PDB file of all heavy atoms in Angstrom:
ATOM      1  N   ALA A   1     -35.685  72.864  69.311  1.00  0.00           N
ATOM      2  CA  ALA A   1     -35.814  71.403  69.335  1.00  0.00           C
ATOM      3  C   ALA A   1     -35.257  70.774  70.601  1.00  0.00           C
ATOM      4  O   ALA A   1     -35.536  69.607  70.895  1.00  0.00           O
ATOM      5  CB  ALA A   1     -35.093  70.805  68.126  1.00  0.00           C
ATOM      6  N   ALA A   2     -34.476  71.507  71.375  1.00  0.00           N
ATOM      7  CA  ALA A   2     -33.764  70.916  72.517  1.00  0.00           C
ATOM      8  C   ALA A   2     -34.731  70.480  73.614  1.00  0.00           C
ATOM      9  O   ALA A   2     -35.577  71.261  74.052  1.00  0.00           O
ATOM     10  CB  ALA A   2     -32.766  71.915  73.078  1.00  0.00           C
ATOM     11  N   PRO A   3     -34.613  69.233  74.082  1.00  0.00           N
ATOM     12  CA  PRO A   3     -35.373  68.827  75.262  1.00  0.00           C
ATOM     13  C   PRO A   3     -34.810  69.514  76.505  1.00  0.00           C
ATOM     14  O   PRO A   3     -33.706  70.087  76.481  1.00  0.00           O
ATOM     15  CB  PRO A   3     -35.156  67.319  75.317  1.00  0.00           C
ATOM     16  CG  PRO A   3     -33.867  67.096  74.619  1.00  0.00           C
ATOM     17  CD  PRO A   3     -33.777  68.151  73.554  1.00  0.00           C
ATOM     18  N   ARG A   4     -35.539  69.436  77.589  1.00  0.00           N
ATOM     19  CA  ARG A   4     -35.154  70.171  78.796  1.00  0.00           C
ATOM     20  C   ARG A   4     -33.760  69.781  79.281  1.00  0.00           C
ATOM     21  O   ARG A   4     -32.992  70.632  79.739  1.00  0.00           O
ATOM     22  CB  ARG A   4     -36.185  69.917  79.897  1.00  0.00           C
ATOM     23  CG  ARG A   4     -35.920  70.687  81.181  1.00  0.00           C
ATOM     24  CD  ARG A   4     -37.056  70.513  82.177  1.00  0.00           C
ATOM     25  NE  ARG A   4     -38.316  71.002  81.603  1.00  0.00           N
ATOM     26  CZ  ARG A   4     -39.488  70.887  82.230  1.00  0.00           C
ATOM     27  NH1 ARG A   4     -39.564  70.299  83.409  1.00  0.00           N
ATOM     28  NH2 ARG A   4     -40.583  71.362  81.657  1.00  0.00           N
ATOM     29  N   SER A   5     -33.402  68.500  79.159  1.00  0.00           N
ATOM     30  CA  SER A   5     -32.109  68.050  79.690  1.00  0.00           C
ATOM     31  C   SER A   5     -30.925  68.648  78.928  1.00  0.00           C
ATOM     32  O   SER A   5     -29.796  68.666  79.436  1.00  0.00           O
ATOM     33  CB  SER A   5     -32.019  66.523  79.639  1.00  0.00           C
ATOM     34  OG  SER A   5     -32.063  66.061  78.296  1.00  0.00           O
ATOM     35  N   LEU A   6     -31.153  69.137  77.703  1.00  0.00           N
ATOM     36  CA  LEU A   6     -30.065  69.717  76.913  1.00  0.00           C
ATOM     37  C   LEU A   6     -30.142  71.239  76.838  1.00  0.00           C
ATOM     38  O   LEU A   6     -29.257  71.865  76.249  1.00  0.00           O
ATOM     39  CB  LEU A   6     -30.076  69.141  75.489  1.00  0.00           C
ATOM     40  CG  LEU A   6     -29.925  67.634  75.337  1.00  0.00           C
ATOM     41  CD1 LEU A   6     -29.857  67.245  73.876  1.00  0.00           C
ATOM     42  CD2 LEU A   6     -28.706  67.106  76.083  1.00  0.00           C
ATOM     43  N   ALA A   7     -31.193  71.796  77.403  1.00  0.00           N
ATOM     44  CA  ALA A   7     -31.363  73.250  77.321  1.00  0.00           C
ATOM     45  C   ALA A   7     -30.153  73.959  77.930  1.00  0.00           C
ATOM     46  O   ALA A   7     -29.623  73.554  78.966  1.00  0.00           O
ATOM     47  CB  ALA A   7     -32.642  73.667  78.044  1.00  0.00           C
ATOM     48  N   GLY A   8     -29.697  74.994  77.274  1.00  0.00           N
ATOM     49  CA  GLY A   8     -28.548  75.753  77.769  1.00  0.00           C
ATOM     50  C   GLY A   8     -27.225  75.254  77.245  1.00  0.00           C
ATOM     51  O   GLY A   8     -26.205  75.933  77.400  1.00  0.00           O
ATOM     52  N   ARG A   9     -27.217  74.053  76.619  1.00  0.00           N
ATOM     53  CA  ARG A   9     -25.953  73.513  76.105  1.00  0.00           C
ATOM     54  C   ARG A   9     -25.911  73.441  74.584  1.00  0.00           C
ATOM     55  O   ARG A   9     -24.840  73.247  74.004  1.00  0.00           O
ATOM     56  CB  ARG A   9     -25.701  72.113  76.671  1.00  0.00           C
ATOM     57  CG  ARG A   9     -25.414  72.081  78.162  1.00  0.00           C
ATOM     58  CD  ARG A   9     -24.830  70.730  78.535  1.00  0.00           C
ATOM     59  NE  ARG A   9     -25.828  69.667  78.512  1.00  0.00           N
ATOM     60  CZ  ARG A   9     -25.552  68.377  78.325  1.00  0.00           C
ATOM     61  NH1 ARG A   9     -24.310  68.003  78.101  1.00  0.00           N
ATOM     62  NH2 ARG A   9     -26.522  67.474  78.346  1.00  0.00           N
ATOM     63  N   VAL A  10     -27.064  73.556  73.923  1.00  0.00           N
ATOM     64  CA  VAL A  10     -27.094  73.267  72.490  1.00  0.00           C
ATOM     65  C   VAL A  10     -26.312  74.276  71.660  1.00  0.00           C
ATOM     66  O   VAL A  10     -25.960  73.988  70.512  1.00  0.00           O
ATOM     67  CB  VAL A  10     -28.550  73.167  71.973  1.00  0.00           C
ATOM     68  CG1 VAL A  10     -29.227  71.932  72.527  1.00  0.00           C
ATOM     69  CG2 VAL A  10     -29.323  74.422  72.303  1.00  0.00           C
ATOM     70  N   ASP A  11     -26.026  75.446  72.201  1.00  0.00           N
ATOM     71  CA  ASP A  11     -25.216  76.404  71.437  1.00  0.00           C
ATOM     72  C   ASP A  11     -23.814  75.863  71.150  1.00  0.00           C
ATOM     73  O   ASP A  11     -23.131  76.350  70.235  1.00  0.00           O
ATOM     74  CB  ASP A  11     -25.117  77.739  72.176  1.00  0.00           C
ATOM     75  CG  ASP A  11     -26.394  78.564  72.049  1.00  0.00           C
ATOM     76  OD1 ASP A  11     -27.297  78.133  71.289  1.00  0.00           O
ATOM     77  OD2 ASP A  11     -26.509  79.616  72.707  1.00  0.00           O
ATOM     78  N   LEU A  12     -23.375  74.852  71.910  1.00  0.00           N
ATOM     79  CA  LEU A  12     -22.092  74.209  71.631  1.00  0.00           C
ATOM     80  C   LEU A  12     -22.083  73.535  70.257  1.00  0.00           C
ATOM     81  O   LEU A  12     -21.016  73.307  69.676  1.00  0.00           O
ATOM     82  CB  LEU A  12     -21.780  73.151  72.699  1.00  0.00           C
ATOM     83  CG  LEU A  12     -21.444  73.657  74.105  1.00  0.00           C
ATOM     84  CD1 LEU A  12     -21.413  72.492  75.084  1.00  0.00           C
ATOM     85  CD2 LEU A  12     -20.109  74.379  74.093  1.00  0.00           C
ATOM     86  N   LEU A  13     -23.273  73.198  69.739  1.00  0.00           N
ATOM     87  CA  LEU A  13     -23.377  72.489  68.470  1.00  0.00           C
ATOM     88  C   LEU A  13     -23.283  73.419  67.262  1.00  0.00           C
ATOM     89  O   LEU A  13     -23.092  72.952  66.137  1.00  0.00           O
ATOM     90  CB  LEU A  13     -24.700  71.713  68.398  1.00  0.00           C
ATOM     91  CG  LEU A  13     -24.946  70.670  69.496  1.00  0.00           C
ATOM     92  CD1 LEU A  13     -26.350  70.102  69.381  1.00  0.00           C
ATOM     93  CD2 LEU A  13     -23.912  69.552  69.410  1.00  0.00           C
ATOM     94  N   VAL A  14     -23.452  74.709  67.488  1.00  0.00           N
ATOM     95  CA  VAL A  14     -23.523  75.656  66.374  1.00  0.00           C
ATOM     96  C   VAL A  14     -22.175  75.739  65.658  1.00  0.00           C
ATOM     97  O   VAL A  14     -21.122  75.876  66.289  1.00  0.00           O
ATOM     98  CB  VAL A  14     -23.948  77.051  66.871  1.00  0.00           C
ATOM     99  CG1 VAL A  14     -23.962  78.048  65.713  1.00  0.00           C
ATOM    100  CG2 VAL A  14     -25.327  76.979  67.520  1.00  0.00           C
ATOM    101  N   ARG A  15     -22.226  75.651  64.321  1.00  0.00           N
ATOM    102  CA  ARG A  15     -21.016  75.746  63.510  1.00  0.00           C
ATOM    103  C   ARG A  15     -21.408  76.092  62.078  1.00  0.00           C
ATOM    104  O   ARG A  15     -22.567  75.931  61.681  1.00  0.00           O
ATOM    105  CB  ARG A  15     -20.253  74.416  63.536  1.00  0.00           C
ATOM    106  CG  ARG A  15     -20.946  73.294  62.801  1.00  0.00           C
ATOM    107  CD  ARG A  15     -20.232  71.980  62.996  1.00  0.00           C
ATOM    108  NE  ARG A  15     -20.770  70.954  62.099  1.00  0.00           N
ATOM    109  CZ  ARG A  15     -20.553  69.658  62.241  1.00  0.00           C
ATOM    110  NH1 ARG A  15     -19.824  69.216  63.262  1.00  0.00           N
ATOM    111  NH2 ARG A  15     -21.059  68.798  61.384  1.00  0.00           N
ATOM    112  N   PRO A  16     -20.468  76.543  61.238  1.00  0.00           N
ATOM    113  CA  PRO A  16     -20.770  76.869  59.842  1.00  0.00           C
ATOM    114  C   PRO A  16     -21.203  75.631  59.055  1.00  0.00           C
ATOM    115  O   PRO A  16     -20.828  74.499  59.384  1.00  0.00           O
ATOM    116  CB  PRO A  16     -19.448  77.427  59.309  1.00  0.00           C
ATOM    117  CG  PRO A  16     -18.703  77.869  60.520  1.00  0.00           C
ATOM    118  CD  PRO A  16     -19.096  76.925  61.610  1.00  0.00           C
ATOM    119  N   LYS A  17     -21.969  75.859  58.001  1.00  0.00           N
ATOM    120  CA  LYS A  17     -22.484  74.745  57.195  1.00  0.00           C
ATOM    121  C   LYS A  17     -21.379  73.923  56.542  1.00  0.00           C
ATOM    122  O   LYS A  17     -21.559  72.727  56.303  1.00  0.00           O
ATOM    123  CB  LYS A  17     -23.420  75.282  56.103  1.00  0.00           C
ATOM    124  CG  LYS A  17     -24.784  75.707  56.590  1.00  0.00           C
ATOM    125  CD  LYS A  17     -25.652  76.104  55.396  1.00  0.00           C
ATOM    126  CE  LYS A  17     -27.012  76.599  55.858  1.00  0.00           C
ATOM    127  NZ  LYS A  17     -27.852  77.014  54.711  1.00  0.00           N
ATOM    128  N   ASP A  18     -20.262  74.549  56.243  1.00  0.00           N
ATOM    129  CA  ASP A  18     -19.199  73.832  55.533  1.00  0.00           C
ATOM    130  C   ASP A  18     -18.181  73.187  56.466  1.00  0.00           C
ATOM    131  O   ASP A  18     -17.104  72.772  56.027  1.00  0.00           O
ATOM    132  CB  ASP A  18     -18.486  74.773  54.560  1.00  0.00           C
ATOM    133  CG  ASP A  18     -17.865  75.980  55.267  1.00  0.00           C
ATOM    134  OD1 ASP A  18     -18.090  76.150  56.479  1.00  0.00           O
ATOM    135  OD2 ASP A  18     -17.153  76.752  54.588  1.00  0.00           O
ATOM    136  N   SER A  19     -18.500  73.084  57.745  1.00  0.00           N
ATOM    137  CA  SER A  19     -17.572  72.454  58.698  1.00  0.00           C
ATOM    138  C   SER A  19     -17.377  70.981  58.350  1.00  0.00           C
ATOM    139  O   SER A  19     -18.314  70.306  57.915  1.00  0.00           O
ATOM    140  CB  SER A  19     -18.119  72.579  60.122  1.00  0.00           C
ATOM    141  OG  SER A  19     -18.238  73.927  60.513  1.00  0.00           O
ATOM    142  N   PRO A  20     -16.172  70.442  58.551  1.00  0.00           N
ATOM    143  CA  PRO A  20     -15.945  69.021  58.266  1.00  0.00           C
ATOM    144  C   PRO A  20     -16.691  68.132  59.262  1.00  0.00           C
ATOM    145  O   PRO A  20     -16.927  68.530  60.406  1.00  0.00           O
ATOM    146  CB  PRO A  20     -14.430  68.864  58.406  1.00  0.00           C
ATOM    147  CG  PRO A  20     -14.022  69.979  59.328  1.00  0.00           C
ATOM    148  CD  PRO A  20     -14.943  71.119  59.030  1.00  0.00           C
ATOM    149  N   TRP A  21     -17.055  66.956  58.803  1.00  0.00           N
ATOM    150  CA  TRP A  21     -17.711  66.002  59.696  1.00  0.00           C
ATOM    151  C   TRP A  21     -16.717  65.485  60.724  1.00  0.00           C
ATOM    152  O   TRP A  21     -15.520  65.360  60.451  1.00  0.00           O
ATOM    153  CB  TRP A  21     -18.273  64.828  58.915  1.00  0.00           C
ATOM    154  CG  TRP A  21     -19.355  65.176  57.941  1.00  0.00           C
ATOM    155  CD1 TRP A  21     -19.312  65.064  56.584  1.00  0.00           C
ATOM    156  CD2 TRP A  21     -20.656  65.692  58.258  1.00  0.00           C
ATOM    157  NE1 TRP A  21     -20.497  65.480  56.039  1.00  0.00           N
ATOM    158  CE2 TRP A  21     -21.343  65.875  57.032  1.00  0.00           C
ATOM    159  CE3 TRP A  21     -21.304  66.033  59.443  1.00  0.00           C
ATOM    160  CZ2 TRP A  21     -22.645  66.359  56.962  1.00  0.00           C
ATOM    161  CZ3 TRP A  21     -22.596  66.518  59.387  1.00  0.00           C
ATOM    162  CH2 TRP A  21     -23.259  66.676  58.166  1.00  0.00           C
ATOM    163  N   THR A  22     -17.209  65.161  61.903  1.00  0.00           N
ATOM    164  CA  THR A  22     -16.392  64.549  62.956  1.00  0.00           C
ATOM    165  C   THR A  22     -16.919  63.147  63.248  1.00  0.00           C
ATOM    166  O   THR A  22     -18.027  62.781  62.833  1.00  0.00           O
ATOM    167  CB  THR A  22     -16.447  65.377  64.244  1.00  0.00           C
ATOM    168  OG1 THR A  22     -17.785  65.317  64.781  1.00  0.00           O
ATOM    169  CG2 THR A  22     -16.061  66.821  63.989  1.00  0.00           C
ATOM    170  N   VAL A  23     -16.118  62.371  63.963  1.00  0.00           N
ATOM    171  CA  VAL A  23     -16.537  61.021  64.349  1.00  0.00           C
ATOM    172  C   VAL A  23     -17.829  61.079  65.156  1.00  0.00           C
ATOM    173  O   VAL A  23     -18.710  60.230  65.012  1.00  0.00           O
ATOM    174  CB  VAL A  23     -15.419  60.337  65.157  1.00  0.00           C
ATOM    175  CG1 VAL A  23     -15.902  59.002  65.723  1.00  0.00           C
ATOM    176  CG2 VAL A  23     -14.182  60.128  64.288  1.00  0.00           C
ATOM    177  N   GLU A  24     -17.971  62.103  65.987  1.00  0.00           N
ATOM    178  CA  GLU A  24     -19.172  62.215  66.823  1.00  0.00           C
ATOM    179  C   GLU A  24     -20.404  62.604  66.016  1.00  0.00           C
ATOM    180  O   GLU A  24     -21.539  62.406  66.479  1.00  0.00           O
ATOM    181  CB  GLU A  24     -18.937  63.240  67.935  1.00  0.00           C
ATOM    182  CG  GLU A  24     -17.958  62.782  69.005  1.00  0.00           C
ATOM    183  CD  GLU A  24     -16.508  62.800  68.575  1.00  0.00           C
ATOM    184  OE1 GLU A  24     -16.168  63.552  67.616  1.00  0.00           O
ATOM    185  OE2 GLU A  24     -15.686  62.065  69.168  1.00  0.00           O
ATOM    186  N   ASP A  25     -20.215  63.140  64.797  1.00  0.00           N
ATOM    187  CA  ASP A  25     -21.356  63.447  63.928  1.00  0.00           C
ATOM    188  C   ASP A  25     -21.968  62.189  63.324  1.00  0.00           C
ATOM    189  O   ASP A  25     -23.152  62.177  62.967  1.00  0.00           O
ATOM    190  CB  ASP A  25     -20.925  64.358  62.767  1.00  0.00           C
ATOM    191  CG  ASP A  25     -20.647  65.778  63.206  1.00  0.00           C
ATOM    192  OD1 ASP A  25     -21.272  66.236  64.178  1.00  0.00           O
ATOM    193  OD2 ASP A  25     -19.795  66.433  62.571  1.00  0.00           O
ATOM    194  N   VAL A  26     -21.162  61.147  63.151  1.00  0.00           N
ATOM    195  CA  VAL A  26     -21.613  59.981  62.385  1.00  0.00           C
ATOM    196  C   VAL A  26     -22.858  59.330  62.987  1.00  0.00           C
ATOM    197  O   VAL A  26     -23.823  59.050  62.268  1.00  0.00           O
ATOM    198  CB  VAL A  26     -20.449  58.979  62.225  1.00  0.00           C
ATOM    199  CG1 VAL A  26     -20.944  57.656  61.648  1.00  0.00           C
ATOM    200  CG2 VAL A  26     -19.375  59.582  61.325  1.00  0.00           C
ATOM    201  N   PRO A  27     -22.915  59.067  64.309  1.00  0.00           N
ATOM    202  CA  PRO A  27     -24.160  58.510  64.858  1.00  0.00           C
ATOM    203  C   PRO A  27     -25.355  59.449  64.684  1.00  0.00           C
ATOM    204  O   PRO A  27     -26.495  58.973  64.539  1.00  0.00           O
ATOM    205  CB  PRO A  27     -23.840  58.309  66.348  1.00  0.00           C
ATOM    206  CG  PRO A  27     -22.360  58.255  66.429  1.00  0.00           C
ATOM    207  CD  PRO A  27     -21.874  59.166  65.353  1.00  0.00           C
ATOM    208  N   LEU A  28     -25.113  60.752  64.689  1.00  0.00           N
ATOM    209  CA  LEU A  28     -26.207  61.699  64.492  1.00  0.00           C
ATOM    210  C   LEU A  28     -26.713  61.640  63.055  1.00  0.00           C
ATOM    211  O   LEU A  28     -27.927  61.699  62.811  1.00  0.00           O
ATOM    212  CB  LEU A  28     -25.746  63.120  64.838  1.00  0.00           C
ATOM    213  CG  LEU A  28     -25.136  63.317  66.230  1.00  0.00           C
ATOM    214  CD1 LEU A  28     -24.876  64.792  66.487  1.00  0.00           C
ATOM    215  CD2 LEU A  28     -26.036  62.740  67.311  1.00  0.00           C
ATOM    216  N   LEU A  29     -25.811  61.501  62.087  1.00  0.00           N
ATOM    217  CA  LEU A  29     -26.227  61.323  60.696  1.00  0.00           C
ATOM    218  C   LEU A  29     -27.054  60.054  60.547  1.00  0.00           C
ATOM    219  O   LEU A  29     -28.057  60.032  59.829  1.00  0.00           O
ATOM    220  CB  LEU A  29     -24.996  61.253  59.790  1.00  0.00           C
ATOM    221  CG  LEU A  29     -24.270  62.573  59.513  1.00  0.00           C
ATOM    222  CD1 LEU A  29     -22.904  62.312  58.886  1.00  0.00           C
ATOM    223  CD2 LEU A  29     -25.107  63.466  58.614  1.00  0.00           C
ATOM    224  N   ASP A  30     -26.630  59.004  61.230  1.00  0.00           N
ATOM    225  CA  ASP A  30     -27.372  57.749  61.169  1.00  0.00           C
ATOM    226  C   ASP A  30     -28.763  57.914  61.776  1.00  0.00           C
ATOM    227  O   ASP A  30     -29.752  57.383  61.253  1.00  0.00           O
ATOM    228  CB  ASP A  30     -26.597  56.653  61.902  1.00  0.00           C
ATOM    229  CG  ASP A  30     -27.068  55.264  61.513  1.00  0.00           C
ATOM    230  OD1 ASP A  30     -26.752  54.839  60.393  1.00  0.00           O
ATOM    231  OD2 ASP A  30     -27.777  54.631  62.324  1.00  0.00           O
ATOM    232  N   GLU A  31     -28.845  58.638  62.881  1.00  0.00           N
ATOM    233  CA  GLU A  31     -30.138  58.880  63.527  1.00  0.00           C
ATOM    234  C   GLU A  31     -31.054  59.696  62.610  1.00  0.00           C
ATOM    235  O   GLU A  31     -32.246  59.379  62.458  1.00  0.00           O
ATOM    236  CB  GLU A  31     -29.935  59.619  64.844  1.00  0.00           C
ATOM    237  CG  GLU A  31     -31.176  59.747  65.699  1.00  0.00           C
ATOM    238  CD  GLU A  31     -31.558  58.459  66.401  1.00  0.00           C
ATOM    239  OE1 GLU A  31     -30.664  57.617  66.607  1.00  0.00           O
ATOM    240  OE2 GLU A  31     -32.743  58.304  66.744  1.00  0.00           O
ATOM    241  N   VAL A  32     -30.507  60.732  61.993  1.00  0.00           N
ATOM    242  CA  VAL A  32     -31.303  61.553  61.086  1.00  0.00           C
ATOM    243  C   VAL A  32     -31.752  60.730  59.880  1.00  0.00           C
ATOM    244  O   VAL A  32     -32.902  60.847  59.432  1.00  0.00           O
ATOM    245  CB  VAL A  32     -30.500  62.793  60.635  1.00  0.00           C
ATOM    246  CG1 VAL A  32     -31.244  63.545  59.543  1.00  0.00           C
ATOM    247  CG2 VAL A  32     -30.232  63.709  61.816  1.00  0.00           C
ATOM    248  N   ALA A  33     -30.870  59.887  59.355  1.00  0.00           N
ATOM    249  CA  ALA A  33     -31.253  59.040  58.225  1.00  0.00           C
ATOM    250  C   ALA A  33     -32.415  58.126  58.598  1.00  0.00           C
ATOM    251  O   ALA A  33     -33.313  57.874  57.787  1.00  0.00           O
ATOM    252  CB  ALA A  33     -30.053  58.203  57.774  1.00  0.00           C
ATOM    253  N   GLU A  34     -32.409  57.643  59.830  1.00  0.00           N
ATOM    254  CA  GLU A  34     -33.505  56.794  60.299  1.00  0.00           C
ATOM    255  C   GLU A  34     -34.798  57.599  60.390  1.00  0.00           C
ATOM    256  O   GLU A  34     -35.882  57.105  60.060  1.00  0.00           O
ATOM    257  CB  GLU A  34     -33.146  56.205  61.659  1.00  0.00           C
ATOM    258  CG  GLU A  34     -34.006  55.051  62.098  1.00  0.00           C
ATOM    259  CD  GLU A  34     -33.684  53.753  61.368  1.00  0.00           C
ATOM    260  OE1 GLU A  34     -32.713  53.719  60.575  1.00  0.00           O
ATOM    261  OE2 GLU A  34     -34.417  52.768  61.586  1.00  0.00           O
ATOM    262  N   LEU A  35     -34.702  58.837  60.833  1.00  0.00           N
ATOM    263  CA  LEU A  35     -35.887  59.690  60.963  1.00  0.00           C
ATOM    264  C   LEU A  35     -36.412  60.149  59.612  1.00  0.00           C
ATOM    265  O   LEU A  35     -37.628  60.267  59.414  1.00  0.00           O
ATOM    266  CB  LEU A  35     -35.549  60.921  61.810  1.00  0.00           C
ATOM    267  CG  LEU A  35     -35.227  60.656  63.282  1.00  0.00           C
ATOM    268  CD1 LEU A  35     -34.591  61.892  63.909  1.00  0.00           C
ATOM    269  CD2 LEU A  35     -36.487  60.257  64.051  1.00  0.00           C
ATOM    270  N   LEU A  36     -35.503  60.394  58.670  1.00  0.00           N
ATOM    271  CA  LEU A  36     -35.927  60.856  57.347  1.00  0.00           C
ATOM    272  C   LEU A  36     -36.418  59.707  56.478  1.00  0.00           C
ATOM    273  O   LEU A  36     -37.447  59.816  55.815  1.00  0.00           O
ATOM    274  CB  LEU A  36     -34.774  61.578  56.649  1.00  0.00           C
ATOM    275  CG  LEU A  36     -34.289  62.880  57.283  1.00  0.00           C
ATOM    276  CD1 LEU A  36     -33.110  63.433  56.497  1.00  0.00           C
ATOM    277  CD2 LEU A  36     -35.403  63.911  57.366  1.00  0.00           C
ATOM    278  N   GLY A  37     -35.660  58.618  56.458  1.00  0.00           N
ATOM    279  CA  GLY A  37     -36.050  57.482  55.637  1.00  0.00           C
ATOM    280  C   GLY A  37     -35.978  57.794  54.157  1.00  0.00           C
ATOM    281  O   GLY A  37     -35.488  58.825  53.719  1.00  0.00           O
ATOM    282  N   GLU A  38     -36.469  56.847  53.370  1.00  0.00           N
ATOM    283  CA  GLU A  38     -36.508  56.990  51.923  1.00  0.00           C
ATOM    284  C   GLU A  38     -37.866  56.530  51.421  1.00  0.00           C
ATOM    285  O   GLU A  38     -38.651  55.934  52.170  1.00  0.00           O
ATOM    286  CB  GLU A  38     -35.407  56.156  51.265  1.00  0.00           C
ATOM    287  CG  GLU A  38     -34.005  56.588  51.670  1.00  0.00           C
ATOM    288  CD  GLU A  38     -32.935  55.681  51.085  1.00  0.00           C
ATOM    289  OE1 GLU A  38     -33.323  54.696  50.421  1.00  0.00           O
ATOM    290  OE2 GLU A  38     -31.748  55.957  51.291  1.00  0.00           O
ATOM    291  N   ASP A  39     -38.124  56.788  50.165  1.00  0.00           N
ATOM    292  CA  ASP A  39     -39.362  56.313  49.562  1.00  0.00           C
ATOM    293  C   ASP A  39     -39.303  54.790  49.507  1.00  0.00           C
ATOM    294  O   ASP A  39     -38.414  54.208  48.876  1.00  0.00           O
ATOM    295  CB  ASP A  39     -39.519  56.899  48.158  1.00  0.00           C
ATOM    296  CG  ASP A  39     -40.884  56.591  47.551  1.00  0.00           C
ATOM    297  OD1 ASP A  39     -41.622  55.777  48.138  1.00  0.00           O
ATOM    298  OD2 ASP A  39     -41.196  57.168  46.503  1.00  0.00           O
TER     299      ASP A  39
END
């Protein structure tokens, strides 16, 4: 999924599924919620 500008850096994001949320995750959750939407 990585665009060219992020290629080579996205492995920094890899972590276990049960990792705690961070402040920097919150805008990403908001972005995903916007992309997913609801019925």
